[in-house]
Amino acid sequence: AAAHLHIDLHPLFRWKMDAARRGRLRHWGLTSFYEDNKSFVRRTL
């Protein structure tokens, strides 16, 4: 779930991050929120 991970594991989770960016990983409605609020999310970034 939400977790602390050893720093060496970061590269091993980049595929998951990429899947979220591509909309393949839909987590807690976050992807739907982004699809409906792209400009707001980019402004937040």
All heavy atoms as atom14 arrays in JSON, in Angstrom:
{
  "sequence": "AAAHLHIDLHPLFRWKMDAARRGRLRHWGLTSFYEDNKSFVRRTL",
  "atom14_mask": [
    [1, 1, 1, 1, 1, 0, 0, 0, 0, 0, 0, 0, 0, 0],
    [1, 1, 1, 1, 1, 0, 0, 0, 0, 0, 0, 0, 0, 0],
    [1, 1, 1, 1, 1, 0, 0, 0, 0, 0, 0, 0, 0, 0],
    [1, 1, 1, 1, 1, 1, 1, 1, 1, 1, 0, 0, 0, 0],
    [1, 1, 1, 1, 1, 1, 1, 1, 0, 0, 0, 0, 0, 0],
    [1, 1, 1, 1, 1, 1, 1, 1, 1, 1, 0, 0, 0, 0],
    [1, 1, 1, 1, 1, 1, 1, 1, 0, 0, 0, 0, 0, 0],
    [1, 1, 1, 1, 1, 1, 1, 1, 0, 0, 0, 0, 0, 0],
    [1, 1, 1, 1, 1, 1, 1, 1, 0, 0, 0, 0, 0, 0],
    [1, 1, 1, 1, 1, 1, 1, 1, 1, 1, 0, 0, 0, 0],
    [1, 1, 1, 1, 1, 1, 1, 0, 0, 0, 0, 0, 0, 0],
    [1, 1, 1, 1, 1, 1, 1, 1, 0, 0, 0, 0, 0, 0],
    [1, 1, 1, 1, 1, 1, 1, 1, 1, 1, 1, 0, 0, 0],
    [1, 1, 1, 1, 1, 1, 1, 1, 1, 1, 1, 0, 0, 0],
    [1, 1, 1, 1, 1, 1, 1, 1, 1, 1, 1, 1, 1, 1],
    [1, 1, 1, 1, 1, 1, 1, 1, 1, 0, 0, 0, 0, 0],
    [1, 1, 1, 1, 1, 1, 1, 1, 0, 0, 0, 0, 0, 0],
    [1, 1, 1, 1, 1, 1, 1, 1, 0, 0, 0, 0, 0, 0],
    [1, 1, 1, 1, 1, 0, 0, 0, 0, 0, 0, 0, 0, 0],
    [1, 1, 1, 1, 1, 0, 0, 0, 0, 0, 0, 0, 0, 0],
    [1, 1, 1, 1, 1, 1, 1, 1, 1, 1, 1, 0, 0, 0],
    [1, 1, 1, 1, 1, 1, 1, 1, 1, 1, 1, 0, 0, 0],
    [1, 1, 1, 1, 0, 0, 0, 0, 0, 0, 0, 0, 0, 0],
    [1, 1, 1, 1, 1, 1, 1, 1, 1, 1, 1, 0, 0, 0],
    [1, 1, 1, 1, 1, 1, 1, 1, 0, 0, 0, 0, 0, 0],
    [1, 1, 1, 1, 1, 1, 1, 1, 1, 1, 1, 0, 0, 0],
    [1, 1, 1, 1, 1, 1, 1, 1, 1, 1, 0, 0, 0, 0],
    [1, 1, 1, 1, 1, 1, 1, 1, 1, 1, 1, 1, 1, 1],
    [1, 1, 1, 1, 0, 0, 0, 0, 0, 0, 0, 0, 0, 0],
    [1, 1, 1, 1, 1, 1, 1, 1, 0, 0, 0, 0, 0, 0],
    [1, 1, 1, 1, 1, 1, 1, 0, 0, 0, 0, 0, 0, 0],
    [1, 1, 1, 1, 1, 1, 0, 0, 0, 0, 0, 0, 0, 0],
    [1, 1, 1, 1, 1, 1, 1, 1, 1, 1, 1, 0, 0, 0],
    [1, 1, 1, 1, 1, 1, 1, 1, 1, 1, 1, 1, 0, 0],
    [1, 1, 1, 1, 1, 1, 1, 1, 1, 0, 0, 0, 0, 0],
    [1, 1, 1, 1, 1, 1, 1, 1, 0, 0, 0, 0, 0, 0],
    [1, 1, 1, 1, 1, 1, 1, 1, 0, 0, 0, 0, 0, 0],
    [1, 1, 1, 1, 1, 1, 1, 1, 1, 0, 0, 0, 0, 0],
    [1, 1, 1, 1, 1, 1, 0, 0, 0, 0, 0, 0, 0, 0],
    [1, 1, 1, 1, 1, 1, 1, 1, 1, 1, 1, 0, 0, 0],
    [1, 1, 1, 1, 1, 1, 1, 0, 0, 0, 0, 0, 0, 0],
    [1, 1, 1, 1, 1, 1, 1, 1, 1, 1, 1, 0, 0, 0],
    [1, 1, 1, 1, 1, 1, 1, 1, 1, 1, 1, 0, 0, 0],
    [1, 1, 1, 1, 1, 1, 1, 0, 0, 0, 0, 0, 0, 0],
    [1, 1, 1, 1, 1, 1, 1, 1, 0, 0, 0, 0, 0, 0]
  ],
  "atom14_positions": [
    [[0.9, -1.15, 0.0], [0.0, 0.0, 0.0], [0.95, 1.21, 0.0], [2.06, 1.12, -0.51], [-0.9, -0.05, 1.22], [0.0, 0.0, 0.0], [0.0, 0.0, 0.0], [0.0, 0.0, 0.0], [0.0, 0.0, 0.0], [0.0, 0.0, 0.0], [0.0, 0.0, 0.0], [0.0, 0.0, 0.0], [0.0, 0.0, 0.0], [0.0, 0.0, 0.0]],
    [[0.53, 2.34, 0.57], [1.48, 3.44, 0.75], [2.62, 2.92, 1.61], [2.39, 2.27, 2.64], [0.8, 4.63, 1.42], [0.0, 0.0, 0.0], [0.0, 0.0, 0.0], [0.0, 0.0, 0.0], [0.0, 0.0, 0.0], [0.0, 0.0, 0.0], [0.0, 0.0, 0.0], [0.0, 0.0, 0.0], [0.0, 0.0, 0.0], [0.0, 0.0, 0.0]],
    [[3.86, 3.19, 1.2], [4.97, 2.53, 1.86], [6.26, 3.33, 1.75], [6.43, 4.16, 0.86], [5.19, 1.15, 1.24], [0.0, 0.0, 0.0], [0.0, 0.0, 0.0], [0.0, 0.0, 0.0], [0.0, 0.0, 0.0], [0.0, 0.0, 0.0], [0.0, 0.0, 0.0], [0.0, 0.0, 0.0], [0.0, 0.0, 0.0], [0.0, 0.0, 0.0]],
    [[7.15, 3.05, 2.72], [8.55, 3.44, 2.6], [9.29, 2.28, 1.94], [9.14, 1.13, 2.34], [9.16, 3.7, 3.98], [8.57, 4.85, 4.72], [8.77, 6.16, 4.35], [7.79, 4.89, 5.83], [8.15, 6.97, 5.19], [7.54, 6.22, 6.09], [0.0, 0.0, 0.0], [0.0, 0.0, 0.0], [0.0, 0.0, 0.0], [0.0, 0.0, 0.0]],
    [[10.09, 2.6, 0.93], [10.84, 1.57, 0.22], [12.32, 1.92, 0.19], [12.69, 3.1, 0.22], [10.35, 1.44, -1.23], [8.89, 1.02, -1.39], [8.08, 2.18, -1.95], [8.77, -0.18, -2.31], [0.0, 0.0, 0.0], [0.0, 0.0, 0.0], [0.0, 0.0, 0.0], [0.0, 0.0, 0.0], [0.0, 0.0, 0.0], [0.0, 0.0, 0.0]],
    [[13.16, 0.9, 0.13], [14.59, 1.14, -0.01], [14.83, 1.89, -1.31], [14.21, 1.6, -2.35], [15.35, -0.18, 0.0], [16.83, -0.01, 0.14], [17.64, 0.36, -0.92], [17.66, -0.15, 1.22], [18.88, 0.44, -0.51], [18.93, 0.13, 0.78], [0.0, 0.0, 0.0], [0.0, 0.0, 0.0], [0.0, 0.0, 0.0], [0.0, 0.0, 0.0]],
    [[15.75, 2.84, -1.28], [15.97, 3.72, -2.43], [16.36, 2.95, -3.69], [16.04, 3.38, -4.81], [17.06, 4.78, -2.07], [17.06, 5.91, -3.1], [18.42, 4.12, -1.91], [15.84, 6.77, -3.06], [0.0, 0.0, 0.0], [0.0, 0.0, 0.0], [0.0, 0.0, 0.0], [0.0, 0.0, 0.0], [0.0, 0.0, 0.0], [0.0, 0.0, 0.0]],
    [[17.01, 1.79, -3.54], [17.43, 1.02, -4.71], [16.26, 0.47, -5.51], [16.44, 0.05, -6.66], [18.34, -0.13, -4.28], [19.72, 0.33, -3.86], [20.07, 1.51, -4.14], [20.46, -0.47, -3.25], [0.0, 0.0, 0.0], [0.0, 0.0, 0.0], [0.0, 0.0, 0.0], [0.0, 0.0, 0.0], [0.0, 0.0, 0.0], [0.0, 0.0, 0.0]],
    [[15.06, 0.46, -4.91], [13.89, -0.07, -5.61], [13.25, 0.94, -6.56], [12.38, 0.57, -7.35], [12.84, -0.55, -4.6], [13.22, -1.73, -3.7], [12.03, -2.14, -2.85], [13.72, -2.91, -4.52], [0.0, 0.0, 0.0], [0.0, 0.0, 0.0], [0.0, 0.0, 0.0], [0.0, 0.0, 0.0], [0.0, 0.0, 0.0], [0.0, 0.0, 0.0]],
    [[13.66, 2.19, -6.5], [12.98, 3.21, -7.31], [12.92, 2.85, -8.79], [11.84, 2.93, -9.41], [13.62, 4.59, -7.11], [12.88, 5.68, -7.8], [13.16, 6.08, -9.1], [11.83, 6.44, -7.4], [12.33, 7.03, -9.46], [11.52, 7.28, -8.45], [0.0, 0.0, 0.0], [0.0, 0.0, 0.0], [0.0, 0.0, 0.0], [0.0, 0.0, 0.0]],
    [[14.02, 2.44, -9.42], [13.92, 2.1, -10.85], [12.93, 0.98, -11.13], [12.34, 0.92, -12.22], [15.36, 1.68, -11.21], [16.22, 2.37, -10.21], [15.42, 2.36, -8.94], [0.0, 0.0, 0.0], [0.0, 0.0, 0.0], [0.0, 0.0, 0.0], [0.0, 0.0, 0.0], [0.0, 0.0, 0.0], [0.0, 0.0, 0.0], [0.0, 0.0, 0.0]],
    [[12.72, 0.09, -10.15], [11.83, -1.06, -10.36], [10.36, -0.67, -10.32], [9.5, -1.5, -10.65], [12.12, -2.13, -9.3], [13.55, -2.67, -9.26], [13.69, -3.71, -8.17], [13.95, -3.25, -10.61], [0.0, 0.0, 0.0], [0.0, 0.0, 0.0], [0.0, 0.0, 0.0], [0.0, 0.0, 0.0], [0.0, 0.0, 0.0], [0.0, 0.0, 0.0]],
    [[10.05, 0.55, -9.92], [8.66, 1.01, -9.9], [8.38, 2.06, -10.98], [7.26, 2.56, -11.05], [8.3, 1.55, -8.51], [8.05, 0.46, -7.52], [9.07, -0.04, -6.74], [6.78, -0.09, -7.38], [8.85, -1.06, -5.84], [6.54, -1.12, -6.49], [7.57, -1.61, -5.71], [0.0, 0.0, 0.0], [0.0, 0.0, 0.0], [0.0, 0.0, 0.0]],
    [[9.36, 2.35, -11.81], [9.12, 3.36, -12.85], [8.11, 2.88, -13.88], [7.38, 3.69, -14.44], [10.45, 3.74, -13.51], [11.38, 4.52, -12.59], [12.69, 4.83, -13.28], [13.68, 5.32, -12.32], [14.99, 5.31, -12.53], [15.47, 4.83, -13.68], [15.82, 5.78, -11.61], [0.0, 0.0, 0.0], [0.0, 0.0, 0.0], [0.0, 0.0, 0.0]],
    [[8.06, 1.57, -14.13], [7.06, 1.06, -15.07], [5.65, 1.34, -14.56], [4.74, 1.62, -15.34], [7.25, -0.45, -15.29], [6.95, -1.27, -14.05], [7.83, -1.65, -13.09], [5.69, -1.79, -13.64], [7.2, -2.36, -12.1], [5.88, -2.47, -12.42], [4.41, -1.75, -14.2], [4.85, -3.1, -11.74], [3.37, -2.38, -13.52], [3.59, -3.05, -12.31]],
    [[5.48, 1.27, -13.25], [4.18, 1.53, -12.64], [3.83, 3.01, -12.77], [2.67, 3.36, -13.05], [4.21, 1.11, -11.17], [2.85, 1.04, -10.5], [3.0, 0.42, -9.11], [1.64, 0.25, -8.46], [1.76, -0.39, -7.12], [0.0, 0.0, 0.0], [0.0, 0.0, 0.0], [0.0, 0.0, 0.0], [0.0, 0.0, 0.0], [0.0, 0.0, 0.0]],
    [[4.83, 3.86, -12.56], [4.61, 5.3, -12.73], [4.25, 5.62, -14.17], [3.34, 6.42, -14.45], [5.87, 6.06, -12.31], [6.26, 5.84, -10.85], [7.92, 6.51, -10.48], [8.19, 5.85, -8.82], [0.0, 0.0, 0.0], [0.0, 0.0, 0.0], [0.0, 0.0, 0.0], [0.0, 0.0, 0.0], [0.0, 0.0, 0.0], [0.0, 0.0, 0.0]],
    [[4.96, 4.98, -15.11], [4.68, 5.19, -16.53], [3.29, 4.68, -16.88], [2.56, 5.33, -17.66], [5.74, 4.46, -17.37], [5.53, 4.68, -18.85], [5.67, 5.83, -19.31], [5.23, 3.71, -19.55], [0.0, 0.0, 0.0], [0.0, 0.0, 0.0], [0.0, 0.0, 0.0], [0.0, 0.0, 0.0], [0.0, 0.0, 0.0], [0.0, 0.0, 0.0]],
    [[2.89, 3.54, -16.3], [1.55, 3.01, -16.56], [0.48, 3.96, -16.07], [-0.57, 4.13, -16.7], [1.4, 1.64, -15.88], [0.0, 0.0, 0.0], [0.0, 0.0, 0.0], [0.0, 0.0, 0.0], [0.0, 0.0, 0.0], [0.0, 0.0, 0.0], [0.0, 0.0, 0.0], [0.0, 0.0, 0.0], [0.0, 0.0, 0.0], [0.0, 0.0, 0.0]],
    [[0.74, 4.65, -14.95], [-0.21, 5.64, -14.44], [-0.3, 6.83, -15.39], [-1.4, 7.33, -15.66], [0.22, 6.1, -13.04], [0.0, 0.0, 0.0], [0.0, 0.0, 0.0], [0.0, 0.0, 0.0], [0.0, 0.0, 0.0], [0.0, 0.0, 0.0], [0.0, 0.0, 0.0], [0.0, 0.0, 0.0], [0.0, 0.0, 0.0], [0.0, 0.0, 0.0]],
    [[0.83, 7.28, -15.91], [0.82, 8.4, -16.85], [0.06, 8.06, -18.12], [-0.6, 8.91, -18.71], [2.25, 8.82, -17.19], [2.95, 9.61, -16.09], [4.23, 10.25, -16.6], [5.25, 9.26, -16.94], [6.13, 8.76, -16.08], [6.12, 9.16, -14.81], [7.04, 7.89, -16.48], [0.0, 0.0, 0.0], [0.0, 0.0, 0.0], [0.0, 0.0, 0.0]],
    [[0.16, 6.8, -18.55], [-0.48, 6.37, -19.79], [-1.95, 5.98, -19.58], [-2.63, 5.63, -20.54], [0.28, 5.19, -20.38], [1.68, 5.53, -20.86], [2.44, 4.28, -21.25], [3.78, 4.56, -21.7], [4.12, 4.82, -22.96], [3.18, 4.83, -23.9], [5.37, 5.07, -23.29], [0.0, 0.0, 0.0], [0.0, 0.0, 0.0], [0.0, 0.0, 0.0]],
    [[-2.4, 6.0, -18.33], [-3.78, 5.64, -18.05], [-4.03, 4.16, -17.92], [-5.17, 3.72, -17.78], [0.0, 0.0, 0.0], [0.0, 0.0, 0.0], [0.0, 0.0, 0.0], [0.0, 0.0, 0.0], [0.0, 0.0, 0.0], [0.0, 0.0, 0.0], [0.0, 0.0, 0.0], [0.0, 0.0, 0.0], [0.0, 0.0, 0.0], [0.0, 0.0, 0.0]],
    [[-2.95, 3.35, -17.95], [-3.1, 1.9, -17.81], [-3.29, 1.5, -16.36], [-3.86, 0.45, -16.06], [-1.86, 1.2, -18.37], [-1.73, 1.24, -19.88], [-0.42, 0.61, -20.33], [-0.2, -0.67, -19.66], [0.97, -1.04, -19.15], [2.01, -0.21, -19.21], [1.11, -2.21, -18.58], [0.0, 0.0, 0.0], [0.0, 0.0, 0.0], [0.0, 0.0, 0.0]],
    [[-2.81, 2.32, -15.43], [-2.97, 2.07, -14.0], [-3.95, 3.1, -13.46], [-3.66, 4.3, -13.4], [-1.62, 2.2, -13.29], [-1.64, 2.06, -11.76], [-2.07, 0.65, -11.36], [-0.27, 2.39, -11.18], [0.0, 0.0, 0.0], [0.0, 0.0, 0.0], [0.0, 0.0, 0.0], [0.0, 0.0, 0.0], [0.0, 0.0, 0.0], [0.0, 0.0, 0.0]],
    [[-5.11, 2.64, -13.08], [-6.16, 3.54, -12.6], [-6.32, 3.29, -11.11], [-6.8, 2.25, -10.68], [-7.46, 3.31, -13.37], [-7.27, 3.36, -14.88], [-8.57, 3.24, -15.65], [-9.35, 4.46, -15.59], [-9.2, 5.48, -16.43], [-8.26, 5.43, -17.38], [-9.96, 6.55, -16.34], [0.0, 0.0, 0.0], [0.0, 0.0, 0.0], [0.0, 0.0, 0.0]],
    [[-5.91, 4.27, -10.34], [-5.76, 4.1, -8.89], [-6.62, 5.12, -8.16], [-6.39, 6.33, -8.25], [-4.27, 4.29, -8.54], [-3.92, 3.99, -7.12], [-3.8, 2.71, -6.64], [-3.66, 4.81, -6.07], [-3.46, 2.75, -5.36], [-3.38, 4.01, -4.99], [0.0, 0.0, 0.0], [0.0, 0.0, 0.0], [0.0, 0.0, 0.0], [0.0, 0.0, 0.0]],
    [[-7.63, 4.62, -7.42], [-8.44, 5.47, -6.56], [-9.07, 6.67, -7.28], [-9.23, 7.73, -6.71], [-7.61, 5.99, -5.39], [-7.37, 4.96, -4.33], [-7.69, 3.64, -4.38], [-6.76, 5.19, -3.06], [-7.3, 3.02, -3.23], [-6.73, 3.94, -2.4], [-6.23, 6.31, -2.44], [-6.2, 3.79, -1.13], [-5.69, 6.15, -1.17], [-5.68, 4.9, -0.53]],
    [[-9.38, 6.52, -8.55], [-10.02, 7.6, -9.28], [-9.09, 8.72, -9.68], [-9.53, 9.74, -10.24], [0.0, 0.0, 0.0], [0.0, 0.0, 0.0], [0.0, 0.0, 0.0], [0.0, 0.0, 0.0], [0.0, 0.0, 0.0], [0.0, 0.0, 0.0], [0.0, 0.0, 0.0], [0.0, 0.0, 0.0], [0.0, 0.0, 0.0], [0.0, 0.0, 0.0]],
    [[-7.79, 8.57, -9.43], [-6.85, 9.64, -9.73], [-6.72, 9.86, -11.24], [-6.61, 10.99, -11.71], [-5.48, 9.33, -9.13], [-5.42, 9.28, -7.6], [-4.03, 8.86, -7.13], [-5.8, 10.64, -6.99], [0.0, 0.0, 0.0], [0.0, 0.0, 0.0], [0.0, 0.0, 0.0], [0.0, 0.0, 0.0], [0.0, 0.0, 0.0], [0.0, 0.0, 0.0]],
    [[-6.72, 8.77, -12.01], [-6.6, 8.89, -13.46], [-7.82, 9.59, -14.05], [-7.69, 10.47, -14.9], [-6.42, 7.51, -14.11], [-5.29, 6.86, -13.5], [-6.18, 7.64, -15.6], [0.0, 0.0, 0.0], [0.0, 0.0, 0.0], [0.0, 0.0, 0.0], [0.0, 0.0, 0.0], [0.0, 0.0, 0.0], [0.0, 0.0, 0.0], [0.0, 0.0, 0.0]],
    [[-8.99, 9.24, -13.56], [-10.21, 9.91, -14.03], [-10.19, 11.38, -13.68], [-10.61, 12.23, -14.49], [-11.44, 9.24, -13.41], [-11.55, 7.89, -13.82], [0.0, 0.0, 0.0], [0.0, 0.0, 0.0], [0.0, 0.0, 0.0], [0.0, 0.0, 0.0], [0.0, 0.0, 0.0], [0.0, 0.0, 0.0], [0.0, 0.0, 0.0], [0.0, 0.0, 0.0]],
    [[-9.7, 11.7, -12.5], [-9.59, 13.11, -12.11], [-8.67, 13.86, -13.08], [-8.99, 14.97, -13.52], [-9.05, 13.23, -10.68], [-8.81, 14.65, -10.24], [-9.85, 15.4, -9.72], [-7.55, 15.23, -10.37], [-9.64, 16.72, -9.33], [-7.33, 16.55, -9.98], [-8.39, 17.29, -9.46], [0.0, 0.0, 0.0], [0.0, 0.0, 0.0], [0.0, 0.0, 0.0]],
    [[-7.53, 13.24, -13.41], [-6.6, 13.89, -14.33], [-7.25, 14.1, -15.7], [-7.11, 15.17, -16.31], [-5.33, 13.06, -14.47], [-4.43, 13.57, -15.57], [-3.76, 14.78, -15.45], [-4.26, 12.84, -16.75], [-2.94, 15.25, -16.46], [-3.45, 13.3, -17.77], [-2.79, 14.52, -17.62], [-2.0, 14.99, -18.63], [0.0, 0.0, 0.0], [0.0, 0.0, 0.0]],
    [[-7.94, 13.08, -16.18], [-8.56, 13.18, -17.51], [-9.58, 14.31, -17.56], [-9.77, 14.94, -18.62], [-9.2, 11.84, -17.87], [-8.18, 10.74, -18.13], [-8.8, 9.36, -18.22], [-10.0, 9.2, -17.86], [-8.1, 8.43, -18.64], [0.0, 0.0, 0.0], [0.0, 0.0, 0.0], [0.0, 0.0, 0.0], [0.0, 0.0, 0.0], [0.0, 0.0, 0.0]],
    [[-10.21, 14.59, -16.44], [-11.22, 15.66, -16.4], [-10.64, 17.02, -16.02], [-11.33, 18.04, -16.14], [-12.32, 15.29, -15.39], [-13.13, 14.08, -15.81], [-13.14, 13.76, -17.02], [-13.72, 13.43, -14.93], [0.0, 0.0, 0.0], [0.0, 0.0, 0.0], [0.0, 0.0, 0.0], [0.0, 0.0, 0.0], [0.0, 0.0, 0.0], [0.0, 0.0, 0.0]],
    [[-9.37, 17.02, -15.52], [-8.8, 18.27, -14.97], [-7.33, 18.42, -15.37], [-6.49, 18.8, -14.55], [-8.92, 18.28, -13.44], [-10.35, 18.18, -12.95], [-11.05, 19.17, -12.83], [-10.77, 16.96, -12.66], [0.0, 0.0, 0.0], [0.0, 0.0, 0.0], [0.0, 0.0, 0.0], [0.0, 0.0, 0.0], [0.0, 0.0, 0.0], [0.0, 0.0, 0.0]],
    [[-7.0, 18.15, -16.63], [-5.61, 18.16, -17.06], [-4.93, 19.5, -16.83], [-3.8, 19.57, -16.34], [-5.51, 17.76, -18.53], [-5.87, 16.3, -18.79], [-5.72, 15.95, -20.26], [-6.09, 14.49, -20.51], [-5.96, 14.12, -21.94], [0.0, 0.0, 0.0], [0.0, 0.0, 0.0], [0.0, 0.0, 0.0], [0.0, 0.0, 0.0], [0.0, 0.0, 0.0]],
    [[-5.6, 20.58, -17.17], [-4.99, 21.9, -17.02], [-4.7, 22.21, -15.55], [-3.64, 22.74, -15.2], [-5.9, 22.98, -17.61], [-6.05, 22.81, -18.99], [0.0, 0.0, 0.0], [0.0, 0.0, 0.0], [0.0, 0.0, 0.0], [0.0, 0.0, 0.0], [0.0, 0.0, 0.0], [0.0, 0.0, 0.0], [0.0, 0.0, 0.0], [0.0, 0.0, 0.0]],
    [[-5.64, 21.86, -14.67], [-5.45, 22.11, -13.25], [-4.27, 21.31, -12.7], [-3.45, 21.83, -11.93], [-6.72, 21.76, -12.48], [-6.62, 21.97, -11.0], [-6.72, 23.24, -10.45], [-6.39, 20.89, -10.15], [-6.6, 23.44, -9.08], [-6.27, 21.08, -8.78], [-6.38, 22.36, -8.25], [0.0, 0.0, 0.0], [0.0, 0.0, 0.0], [0.0, 0.0, 0.0]],
    [[-4.16, 20.05, -13.12], [-3.06, 19.2, -12.64], [-1.72, 19.76, -13.11], [-0.76, 19.82, -12.34], [-3.25, 17.75, -13.12], [-2.02, 16.91, -12.78], [-4.49, 17.13, -12.47], [0.0, 0.0, 0.0], [0.0, 0.0, 0.0], [0.0, 0.0, 0.0], [0.0, 0.0, 0.0], [0.0, 0.0, 0.0], [0.0, 0.0, 0.0], [0.0, 0.0, 0.0]],
    [[-1.65, 20.2, -14.37], [-0.4, 20.77, -14.87], [-0.05, 22.07, -14.17], [1.12, 22.35, -13.89], [-0.46, 20.99, -16.38], [-0.77, 19.78, -17.25], [-0.32, 18.45, -16.71], [1.13, 18.27, -16.66], [1.72, 17.18, -16.23], [1.0, 16.18, -15.75], [3.03, 17.09, -16.23], [0.0, 0.0, 0.0], [0.0, 0.0, 0.0], [0.0, 0.0, 0.0]],
    [[-1.05, 22.86, -13.83], [-0.8, 24.09, -13.07], [-0.29, 23.76, -11.67], [0.59, 24.46, -11.13], [-2.07, 24.94, -12.98], [-2.48, 25.61, -14.27], [-3.45, 26.76, -14.02], [-4.65, 26.38, -13.29], [-5.76, 25.92, -13.84], [-5.83, 25.77, -15.18], [-6.8, 25.6, -13.1], [0.0, 0.0, 0.0], [0.0, 0.0, 0.0], [0.0, 0.0, 0.0]],
    [[-0.84, 22.7, -11.1], [-0.37, 22.27, -9.77], [1.08, 21.85, -9.83], [1.89, 22.19, -8.94], [-1.25, 21.11, -9.25], [-2.62, 21.53, -9.18], [-0.78, 20.65, -7.88], [0.0, 0.0, 0.0], [0.0, 0.0, 0.0], [0.0, 0.0, 0.0], [0.0, 0.0, 0.0], [0.0, 0.0, 0.0], [0.0, 0.0, 0.0], [0.0, 0.0, 0.0]],
    [[1.46, 21.12, -10.87], [2.84, 20.71, -11.03], [3.75, 21.92, -11.15], [4.84, 21.97, -10.54], [2.98, 19.82, -12.26], [4.4, 19.32, -12.57], [4.96, 18.49, -11.43], [4.4, 18.51, -13.87], [0.0, 0.0, 0.0], [0.0, 0.0, 0.0], [0.0, 0.0, 0.0], [0.0, 0.0, 0.0], [0.0, 0.0, 0.0], [0.0, 0.0, 0.0]]
  ]
}
